[in-house]
Amino acid sequence: MLTLAPGTRILVDGITGRGTLITAAGGLWTLSSSGVTALTALRDEGTAAAAEAALRARYPAIPREQVRADLDALVGKLMDSGVVVDR
C-alpha cells in the first residue's frame, strides 16, 4: 500500500486546482492539478491503480499508456525523495 509519508500534507487552490505538497521536514513541491488528483487518490486509496483511475476519469482524452507512464514517473520521484512510502 502506497501512502504519503507521515506529516506530509497537500494544500489545494480551490480556483486553479493546483496544489502544494508540504513534507514533514518543511520541503515544498508544487503540484499541477493532475498531480493533486493523483496524490489525493494515492493518499485516500493507497494504490497506484486508484490514482490511475482518478486521472483517467478526470482526463479521459489522455491515452492510458501516457497516464500510467506519467504516474509511474511521479510516484518514483516522490518515493526516491521519501515523500511517498510503501507500507
N, C-alpha and C. Protein backbone atom coordinates (compact mmCIF):
# COMPACT_ATOMS: atom_id res chain seq x y z
N MET A 1 0.85 -1.18 0.00
CA MET A 1 0.00 0.00 0.00
C MET A 1 0.89 1.24 0.00
N LEU A 2 0.64 2.13 -0.93
CA LEU A 2 1.38 3.38 -1.02
C LEU A 2 0.63 4.47 -0.28
N THR A 3 1.37 5.35 0.35
CA THR A 3 0.75 6.47 1.03
C THR A 3 1.76 7.60 1.16
N LEU A 4 1.28 8.75 1.57
CA LEU A 4 2.18 9.86 1.84
C LEU A 4 2.91 9.60 3.15
N ALA A 5 4.14 10.03 3.23
CA ALA A 5 4.92 9.88 4.46
C ALA A 5 4.24 10.65 5.59
N PRO A 6 4.38 10.16 6.82
CA PRO A 6 3.76 10.85 7.95
C PRO A 6 4.14 12.33 7.98
N GLY A 7 3.15 13.16 8.24
CA GLY A 7 3.37 14.60 8.33
C GLY A 7 3.31 15.34 7.01
N THR A 8 3.16 14.60 5.90
CA THR A 8 3.07 15.23 4.58
C THR A 8 1.63 15.68 4.34
N ARG A 9 1.49 16.88 3.81
CA ARG A 9 0.16 17.44 3.56
C ARG A 9 0.06 17.95 2.14
N ILE A 10 -1.15 17.98 1.62
CA ILE A 10 -1.43 18.57 0.31
C ILE A 10 -2.37 19.74 0.53
N LEU A 11 -1.97 20.91 0.09
CA LEU A 11 -2.84 22.09 0.12
C LEU A 11 -3.25 22.38 -1.32
N VAL A 12 -4.55 22.58 -1.54
CA VAL A 12 -5.07 22.75 -2.90
C VAL A 12 -5.71 24.12 -3.05
N ASP A 13 -5.39 24.80 -4.16
CA ASP A 13 -6.03 26.06 -4.51
C ASP A 13 -7.38 25.71 -5.13
N GLY A 14 -8.45 26.11 -4.49
CA GLY A 14 -9.79 25.77 -4.94
C GLY A 14 -10.17 26.36 -6.29
N ILE A 15 -9.46 27.38 -6.73
CA ILE A 15 -9.78 28.01 -8.01
C ILE A 15 -9.03 27.33 -9.16
N THR A 16 -7.73 27.14 -9.00
CA THR A 16 -6.92 26.58 -10.08
C THR A 16 -6.82 25.06 -10.04
N GLY A 17 -7.04 24.47 -8.87
CA GLY A 17 -6.86 23.03 -8.73
C GLY A 17 -5.42 22.62 -8.52
N ARG A 18 -4.51 23.57 -8.59
CA ARG A 18 -3.10 23.28 -8.34
C ARG A 18 -2.88 23.18 -6.84
N GLY A 19 -1.73 22.61 -6.47
CA GLY A 19 -1.51 22.44 -5.05
C GLY A 19 -0.05 22.54 -4.65
N THR A 20 0.15 22.44 -3.36
CA THR A 20 1.47 22.41 -2.77
C THR A 20 1.53 21.20 -1.85
N LEU A 21 2.56 20.42 -2.04
CA LEU A 21 2.83 19.28 -1.17
C LEU A 21 3.85 19.74 -0.16
N ILE A 22 3.53 19.60 1.11
CA ILE A 22 4.42 20.04 2.19
C ILE A 22 4.85 18.81 2.96
N THR A 23 6.17 18.60 3.02
CA THR A 23 6.69 17.44 3.74
C THR A 23 6.84 17.75 5.22
N ALA A 24 7.00 16.71 6.01
CA ALA A 24 7.17 16.89 7.46
C ALA A 24 8.41 17.72 7.77
N ALA A 25 9.42 17.63 6.89
CA ALA A 25 10.66 18.38 7.10
C ALA A 25 10.57 19.80 6.58
N GLY A 26 9.41 20.17 6.00
CA GLY A 26 9.24 21.53 5.50
C GLY A 26 9.54 21.69 4.03
N GLY A 27 9.82 20.60 3.33
CA GLY A 27 10.06 20.68 1.89
C GLY A 27 8.76 20.99 1.17
N LEU A 28 8.88 21.69 0.06
CA LEU A 28 7.71 22.07 -0.73
C LEU A 28 7.83 21.53 -2.15
N TRP A 29 6.72 21.00 -2.65
CA TRP A 29 6.61 20.57 -4.03
C TRP A 29 5.41 21.27 -4.62
N THR A 30 5.56 21.90 -5.77
CA THR A 30 4.43 22.50 -6.46
C THR A 30 3.78 21.43 -7.33
N LEU A 31 2.46 21.31 -7.23
CA LEU A 31 1.74 20.27 -7.95
C LEU A 31 0.79 20.87 -8.98
N SER A 32 0.77 20.28 -10.16
CA SER A 32 -0.24 20.63 -11.15
C SER A 32 -1.56 20.04 -10.67
N SER A 33 -2.63 20.38 -11.35
CA SER A 33 -3.92 19.81 -10.97
C SER A 33 -3.93 18.29 -11.16
N SER A 34 -3.22 17.80 -12.15
CA SER A 34 -3.15 16.34 -12.32
C SER A 34 -2.33 15.70 -11.20
N GLY A 35 -1.29 16.39 -10.74
CA GLY A 35 -0.52 15.90 -9.60
C GLY A 35 -1.37 15.84 -8.34
N VAL A 36 -2.20 16.85 -8.15
CA VAL A 36 -3.11 16.86 -6.99
C VAL A 36 -4.09 15.69 -7.10
N THR A 37 -4.63 15.46 -8.27
CA THR A 37 -5.58 14.35 -8.47
C THR A 37 -4.91 13.02 -8.14
N ALA A 38 -3.71 12.82 -8.66
CA ALA A 38 -3.00 11.55 -8.44
C ALA A 38 -2.66 11.35 -6.97
N LEU A 39 -2.09 12.35 -6.34
CA LEU A 39 -1.65 12.19 -4.95
C LEU A 39 -2.80 12.14 -3.96
N THR A 40 -3.89 12.83 -4.25
CA THR A 40 -5.06 12.73 -3.38
C THR A 40 -5.64 11.32 -3.43
N ALA A 41 -5.73 10.75 -4.63
CA ALA A 41 -6.22 9.38 -4.76
C ALA A 41 -5.26 8.40 -4.10
N LEU A 42 -3.98 8.62 -4.28
CA LEU A 42 -2.98 7.75 -3.66
C LEU A 42 -3.09 7.81 -2.14
N ARG A 43 -3.22 9.00 -1.61
CA ARG A 43 -3.36 9.18 -0.16
C ARG A 43 -4.64 8.51 0.36
N ASP A 44 -5.73 8.69 -0.37
CA ASP A 44 -7.02 8.20 0.11
C ASP A 44 -7.23 6.71 -0.13
N GLU A 45 -6.70 6.18 -1.24
CA GLU A 45 -6.96 4.79 -1.62
C GLU A 45 -5.76 3.86 -1.44
N GLY A 46 -4.54 4.42 -1.49
CA GLY A 46 -3.35 3.63 -1.21
C GLY A 46 -2.79 2.80 -2.34
N THR A 47 -3.30 2.99 -3.57
CA THR A 47 -2.74 2.22 -4.68
C THR A 47 -2.52 3.11 -5.90
N ALA A 48 -1.52 2.71 -6.69
CA ALA A 48 -1.28 3.42 -7.94
C ALA A 48 -2.46 3.21 -8.89
N ALA A 49 -3.12 2.06 -8.80
CA ALA A 49 -4.28 1.79 -9.65
C ALA A 49 -5.41 2.79 -9.36
N ALA A 50 -5.61 3.13 -8.11
CA ALA A 50 -6.64 4.12 -7.75
C ALA A 50 -6.27 5.50 -8.29
N ALA A 51 -4.99 5.84 -8.20
CA ALA A 51 -4.53 7.12 -8.73
C ALA A 51 -4.70 7.15 -10.25
N GLU A 52 -4.37 6.04 -10.91
CA GLU A 52 -4.55 5.97 -12.36
C GLU A 52 -6.02 6.12 -12.73
N ALA A 53 -6.90 5.45 -12.01
CA ALA A 53 -8.34 5.54 -12.29
C ALA A 53 -8.85 6.97 -12.12
N ALA A 54 -8.37 7.65 -11.08
CA ALA A 54 -8.78 9.03 -10.85
C ALA A 54 -8.31 9.94 -11.98
N LEU A 55 -7.09 9.73 -12.43
CA LEU A 55 -6.55 10.53 -13.54
C LEU A 55 -7.32 10.25 -14.84
N ARG A 56 -7.59 8.99 -15.09
CA ARG A 56 -8.32 8.63 -16.32
C ARG A 56 -9.74 9.17 -16.31
N ALA A 57 -10.35 9.22 -15.14
CA ALA A 57 -11.70 9.78 -15.03
C ALA A 57 -11.68 11.29 -15.27
N ARG A 58 -10.65 11.95 -14.79
CA ARG A 58 -10.56 13.41 -14.94
C ARG A 58 -10.07 13.82 -16.32
N TYR A 59 -9.21 13.00 -16.91
CA TYR A 59 -8.62 13.34 -18.21
C TYR A 59 -8.84 12.18 -19.19
N PRO A 60 -10.08 11.94 -19.62
CA PRO A 60 -10.36 10.77 -20.46
C PRO A 60 -9.71 10.80 -21.84
N ALA A 61 -9.31 11.96 -22.32
CA ALA A 61 -8.70 12.05 -23.65
C ALA A 61 -7.23 11.62 -23.66
N ILE A 62 -6.62 11.55 -22.50
CA ILE A 62 -5.20 11.17 -22.41
C ILE A 62 -5.10 9.65 -22.53
N PRO A 63 -4.24 9.15 -23.41
CA PRO A 63 -4.10 7.70 -23.56
C PRO A 63 -3.65 7.03 -22.25
N ARG A 64 -4.20 5.84 -22.01
CA ARG A 64 -3.91 5.08 -20.79
C ARG A 64 -2.40 4.91 -20.58
N GLU A 65 -1.66 4.63 -21.64
CA GLU A 65 -0.22 4.41 -21.52
C GLU A 65 0.51 5.66 -21.03
N GLN A 66 0.06 6.82 -21.51
CA GLN A 66 0.68 8.07 -21.08
C GLN A 66 0.36 8.36 -19.62
N VAL A 67 -0.89 8.13 -19.24
CA VAL A 67 -1.29 8.34 -17.84
C VAL A 67 -0.42 7.47 -16.94
N ARG A 68 -0.29 6.20 -17.29
CA ARG A 68 0.48 5.28 -16.44
C ARG A 68 1.95 5.65 -16.39
N ALA A 69 2.53 6.02 -17.54
CA ALA A 69 3.95 6.41 -17.56
C ALA A 69 4.20 7.66 -16.72
N ASP A 70 3.31 8.65 -16.86
CA ASP A 70 3.46 9.88 -16.08
C ASP A 70 3.29 9.61 -14.58
N LEU A 71 2.31 8.77 -14.25
CA LEU A 71 2.08 8.43 -12.86
C LEU A 71 3.26 7.67 -12.27
N ASP A 72 3.79 6.70 -13.01
CA ASP A 72 4.95 5.95 -12.54
C ASP A 72 6.14 6.87 -12.30
N ALA A 73 6.34 7.84 -13.19
CA ALA A 73 7.45 8.79 -13.03
C ALA A 73 7.25 9.64 -11.77
N LEU A 74 6.03 10.15 -11.57
CA LEU A 74 5.75 10.97 -10.40
C LEU A 74 5.94 10.18 -9.11
N VAL A 75 5.33 9.01 -9.04
CA VAL A 75 5.44 8.19 -7.82
C VAL A 75 6.89 7.79 -7.57
N GLY A 76 7.62 7.45 -8.63
CA GLY A 76 9.03 7.10 -8.47
C GLY A 76 9.86 8.24 -7.88
N LYS A 77 9.65 9.44 -8.39
CA LYS A 77 10.38 10.60 -7.85
C LYS A 77 10.03 10.86 -6.39
N LEU A 78 8.75 10.75 -6.07
CA LEU A 78 8.32 11.02 -4.70
C LEU A 78 8.77 9.90 -3.74
N MET A 79 8.82 8.67 -4.22
CA MET A 79 9.33 7.59 -3.38
C MET A 79 10.84 7.77 -3.15
N ASP A 80 11.57 8.13 -4.21
CA ASP A 80 13.01 8.37 -4.07
C ASP A 80 13.29 9.47 -3.06
N SER A 81 12.38 10.43 -2.95
CA SER A 81 12.54 11.56 -2.04
C SER A 81 11.96 11.28 -0.65
N GLY A 82 11.32 10.12 -0.49
CA GLY A 82 10.74 9.77 0.81
C GLY A 82 9.41 10.40 1.10
N VAL A 83 8.79 11.03 0.09
CA VAL A 83 7.50 11.69 0.28
C VAL A 83 6.36 10.68 0.19
N VAL A 84 6.51 9.69 -0.69
CA VAL A 84 5.56 8.60 -0.80
C VAL A 84 6.26 7.34 -0.30
N VAL A 85 5.58 6.58 0.54
CA VAL A 85 6.18 5.38 1.13
C VAL A 85 5.27 4.18 0.88
N ASP A 86 5.88 3.01 0.86
CA ASP A 86 5.15 1.75 0.71
C ASP A 86 5.07 1.13 2.08
N ARG A 87 3.85 0.96 2.58
CA ARG A 87 3.73 0.36 3.92
C ARG A 87 2.86 -0.85 3.92
